[in-house]
């Protein structure tokens, strides 16, 4: 999925759904990091992708708070 499509999909969600998705992504990122430390992470790019999506959600939440 392209970043533009993902942004549009995220902007369509309300604040509660975004916060729920953010909490889930933070948990996933923690699990990816733990798995990477153990040496079992198949795709290290998953960490970077999770961090980028977290940043996107935080940006959208701040935009909605200002509006």
N, C-alpha and C. Protein backbone atom coordinates (compact mmCIF):
# COMPACT_ATOMS: atom_id res chain seq x y z
N UNK A 1 0.85 -1.17 0.00
CA UNK A 1 0.00 0.00 0.00
C UNK A 1 0.90 1.24 0.00
N UNK A 2 0.54 2.21 -0.78
CA UNK A 2 1.32 3.44 -0.87
C UNK A 2 1.05 4.31 0.35
N UNK A 3 2.00 5.15 0.67
CA UNK A 3 1.88 6.02 1.84
C UNK A 3 0.69 6.96 1.68
N UNK A 4 0.44 7.43 0.49
CA UNK A 4 -0.68 8.34 0.26
C UNK A 4 -2.01 7.66 0.58
N UNK A 5 -2.16 6.42 0.18
CA UNK A 5 -3.39 5.67 0.46
C UNK A 5 -3.54 5.42 1.95
N UNK A 6 -2.41 5.12 2.60
CA UNK A 6 -2.44 4.87 4.03
C UNK A 6 -2.83 6.12 4.80
N UNK A 7 -2.30 7.27 4.38
CA UNK A 7 -2.64 8.54 5.04
C UNK A 7 -4.13 8.82 4.91
N UNK A 8 -4.67 8.62 3.72
CA UNK A 8 -6.10 8.87 3.51
C UNK A 8 -6.94 7.93 4.35
N UNK A 9 -6.50 6.69 4.47
CA UNK A 9 -7.22 5.72 5.29
C UNK A 9 -7.18 6.12 6.76
N UNK A 10 -6.03 6.58 7.22
CA UNK A 10 -5.89 6.99 8.62
C UNK A 10 -6.68 8.26 8.91
N UNK A 11 -6.71 9.18 7.98
CA UNK A 11 -7.45 10.43 8.19
C UNK A 11 -8.96 10.18 8.30
N UNK A 12 -9.43 9.09 7.74
CA UNK A 12 -10.85 8.77 7.79
C UNK A 12 -11.26 8.24 9.16
N UNK A 13 -10.30 7.79 9.97
CA UNK A 13 -10.61 7.24 11.29
C UNK A 13 -10.83 8.37 12.29
N UNK A 14 -11.59 8.08 13.34
CA UNK A 14 -11.77 9.08 14.39
C UNK A 14 -10.64 8.96 15.42
N UNK A 15 -10.63 9.88 16.37
CA UNK A 15 -9.52 9.98 17.33
C UNK A 15 -9.39 8.71 18.17
N UNK A 16 -10.49 8.14 18.61
CA UNK A 16 -10.44 6.93 19.44
C UNK A 16 -9.84 5.75 18.67
N UNK A 17 -10.22 5.62 17.42
CA UNK A 17 -9.67 4.54 16.61
C UNK A 17 -8.18 4.74 16.35
N UNK A 18 -7.78 6.00 16.15
CA UNK A 18 -6.36 6.29 15.92
C UNK A 18 -5.54 5.97 17.16
N UNK A 19 -6.06 6.32 18.33
CA UNK A 19 -5.35 6.04 19.58
C UNK A 19 -5.23 4.54 19.82
N UNK A 20 -6.27 3.81 19.47
CA UNK A 20 -6.25 2.35 19.60
C UNK A 20 -5.21 1.74 18.66
N UNK A 21 -5.17 2.24 17.43
CA UNK A 21 -4.20 1.76 16.46
C UNK A 21 -2.78 2.12 16.89
N UNK A 22 -2.60 3.30 17.48
CA UNK A 22 -1.30 3.73 17.96
C UNK A 22 -0.81 2.83 19.09
N UNK A 23 -1.70 2.48 20.00
CA UNK A 23 -1.33 1.59 21.10
C UNK A 23 -0.92 0.22 20.57
N UNK A 24 -1.65 -0.28 19.59
CA UNK A 24 -1.32 -1.58 19.01
C UNK A 24 0.03 -1.54 18.29
N UNK A 25 0.29 -0.46 17.58
CA UNK A 25 1.56 -0.34 16.86
C UNK A 25 2.74 -0.22 17.83
N UNK A 26 2.54 0.48 18.94
CA UNK A 26 3.60 0.57 19.94
C UNK A 26 3.92 -0.80 20.52
N UNK A 27 2.89 -1.59 20.75
CA UNK A 27 3.09 -2.95 21.25
C UNK A 27 3.80 -3.81 20.20
N UNK A 28 3.39 -3.67 18.94
CA UNK A 28 4.05 -4.41 17.86
C UNK A 28 5.52 -4.02 17.74
N UNK A 29 5.80 -2.72 17.84
CA UNK A 29 7.18 -2.25 17.75
C UNK A 29 8.02 -2.83 18.88
N UNK A 30 7.46 -2.87 20.07
CA UNK A 30 8.16 -3.47 21.21
C UNK A 30 8.48 -4.94 20.93
N UNK A 31 7.50 -5.66 20.41
CA UNK A 31 7.70 -7.08 20.10
C UNK A 31 8.74 -7.28 19.00
N UNK A 32 8.72 -6.41 17.99
CA UNK A 32 9.73 -6.49 16.92
C UNK A 32 11.12 -6.28 17.48
N UNK A 33 11.26 -5.31 18.37
CA UNK A 33 12.58 -5.03 18.96
C UNK A 33 13.07 -6.19 19.81
N UNK A 34 12.16 -6.78 20.58
CA UNK A 34 12.55 -7.93 21.41
C UNK A 34 12.96 -9.11 20.53
N UNK A 35 12.20 -9.34 19.48
CA UNK A 35 12.51 -10.43 18.56
C UNK A 35 13.84 -10.18 17.86
N UNK A 36 14.12 -8.92 17.51
CA UNK A 36 15.38 -8.58 16.86
C UNK A 36 16.56 -8.81 17.80
N UNK A 37 16.39 -8.49 19.07
CA UNK A 37 17.47 -8.71 20.04
C UNK A 37 17.77 -10.20 20.20
N UNK A 38 16.74 -11.01 20.06
CA UNK A 38 16.95 -12.45 20.16
C UNK A 38 17.52 -13.03 18.86
N UNK A 39 17.48 -12.24 17.81
CA UNK A 39 18.03 -12.68 16.53
C UNK A 39 17.05 -13.46 15.68
N UNK A 40 15.78 -13.37 15.97
CA UNK A 40 14.78 -14.16 15.24
C UNK A 40 13.91 -13.34 14.30
N UNK A 41 14.15 -12.04 14.19
CA UNK A 41 13.32 -11.20 13.33
C UNK A 41 13.67 -11.45 11.87
N UNK A 42 12.67 -11.86 11.08
CA UNK A 42 12.90 -12.20 9.69
C UNK A 42 13.12 -10.96 8.82
N UNK A 43 12.33 -9.93 9.07
CA UNK A 43 12.42 -8.71 8.26
C UNK A 43 12.73 -7.53 9.18
N UNK A 44 13.97 -7.09 9.23
CA UNK A 44 14.30 -5.92 10.04
C UNK A 44 13.59 -4.65 9.57
N UNK A 45 13.14 -4.63 8.34
CA UNK A 45 12.43 -3.45 7.84
C UNK A 45 11.07 -3.27 8.51
N UNK A 46 10.59 -4.28 9.20
CA UNK A 46 9.31 -4.18 9.90
C UNK A 46 9.40 -3.13 11.02
N UNK A 47 10.57 -3.01 11.64
CA UNK A 47 10.76 -2.02 12.70
C UNK A 47 10.62 -0.62 12.12
N UNK A 48 11.28 -0.38 11.02
CA UNK A 48 11.23 0.94 10.39
C UNK A 48 9.81 1.26 9.91
N UNK A 49 9.13 0.29 9.36
CA UNK A 49 7.76 0.52 8.87
C UNK A 49 6.83 0.85 10.03
N UNK A 50 6.99 0.17 11.16
CA UNK A 50 6.15 0.44 12.32
C UNK A 50 6.42 1.84 12.86
N UNK A 51 7.69 2.23 12.90
CA UNK A 51 8.03 3.57 13.39
C UNK A 51 7.44 4.65 12.50
N UNK A 52 7.47 4.44 11.19
CA UNK A 52 6.91 5.42 10.26
C UNK A 52 5.39 5.54 10.41
N UNK A 53 4.74 4.40 10.60
CA UNK A 53 3.29 4.45 10.75
C UNK A 53 2.89 5.11 12.06
N UNK A 54 3.68 4.88 13.11
CA UNK A 54 3.44 5.55 14.39
C UNK A 54 3.56 7.06 14.21
N UNK A 55 4.58 7.49 13.49
CA UNK A 55 4.77 8.92 13.24
C UNK A 55 3.61 9.50 12.44
N UNK A 56 3.12 8.76 11.46
CA UNK A 56 1.97 9.23 10.67
C UNK A 56 0.75 9.42 11.56
N UNK A 57 0.50 8.46 12.43
CA UNK A 57 -0.67 8.54 13.30
C UNK A 57 -0.54 9.71 14.27
N UNK A 58 0.65 9.89 14.83
CA UNK A 58 0.86 11.01 15.76
C UNK A 58 0.66 12.35 15.05
N UNK A 59 1.10 12.44 13.81
CA UNK A 59 0.92 13.67 13.04
C UNK A 59 -0.56 13.94 12.81
N UNK A 60 -1.30 12.93 12.43
CA UNK A 60 -2.73 13.11 12.18
C UNK A 60 -3.46 13.46 13.47
N UNK A 61 -3.07 12.84 14.60
CA UNK A 61 -3.70 13.17 15.88
C UNK A 61 -3.44 14.63 16.26
N UNK A 62 -2.23 15.12 16.02
CA UNK A 62 -1.95 16.51 16.36
C UNK A 62 -2.70 17.48 15.43
N UNK A 63 -2.86 17.10 14.16
CA UNK A 63 -3.63 17.91 13.23
C UNK A 63 -5.09 17.98 13.66
N UNK A 64 -5.63 16.86 14.11
CA UNK A 64 -7.03 16.85 14.54
C UNK A 64 -7.21 17.62 15.84
N UNK A 65 -6.18 17.63 16.69
CA UNK A 65 -6.28 18.37 17.96
C UNK A 65 -6.28 19.87 17.70
N UNK A 66 -5.56 20.32 16.69
CA UNK A 66 -5.50 21.73 16.36
C UNK A 66 -6.78 22.23 15.68
N UNK A 67 -7.45 21.33 14.99
CA UNK A 67 -8.65 21.71 14.23
C UNK A 67 -9.86 21.89 15.10
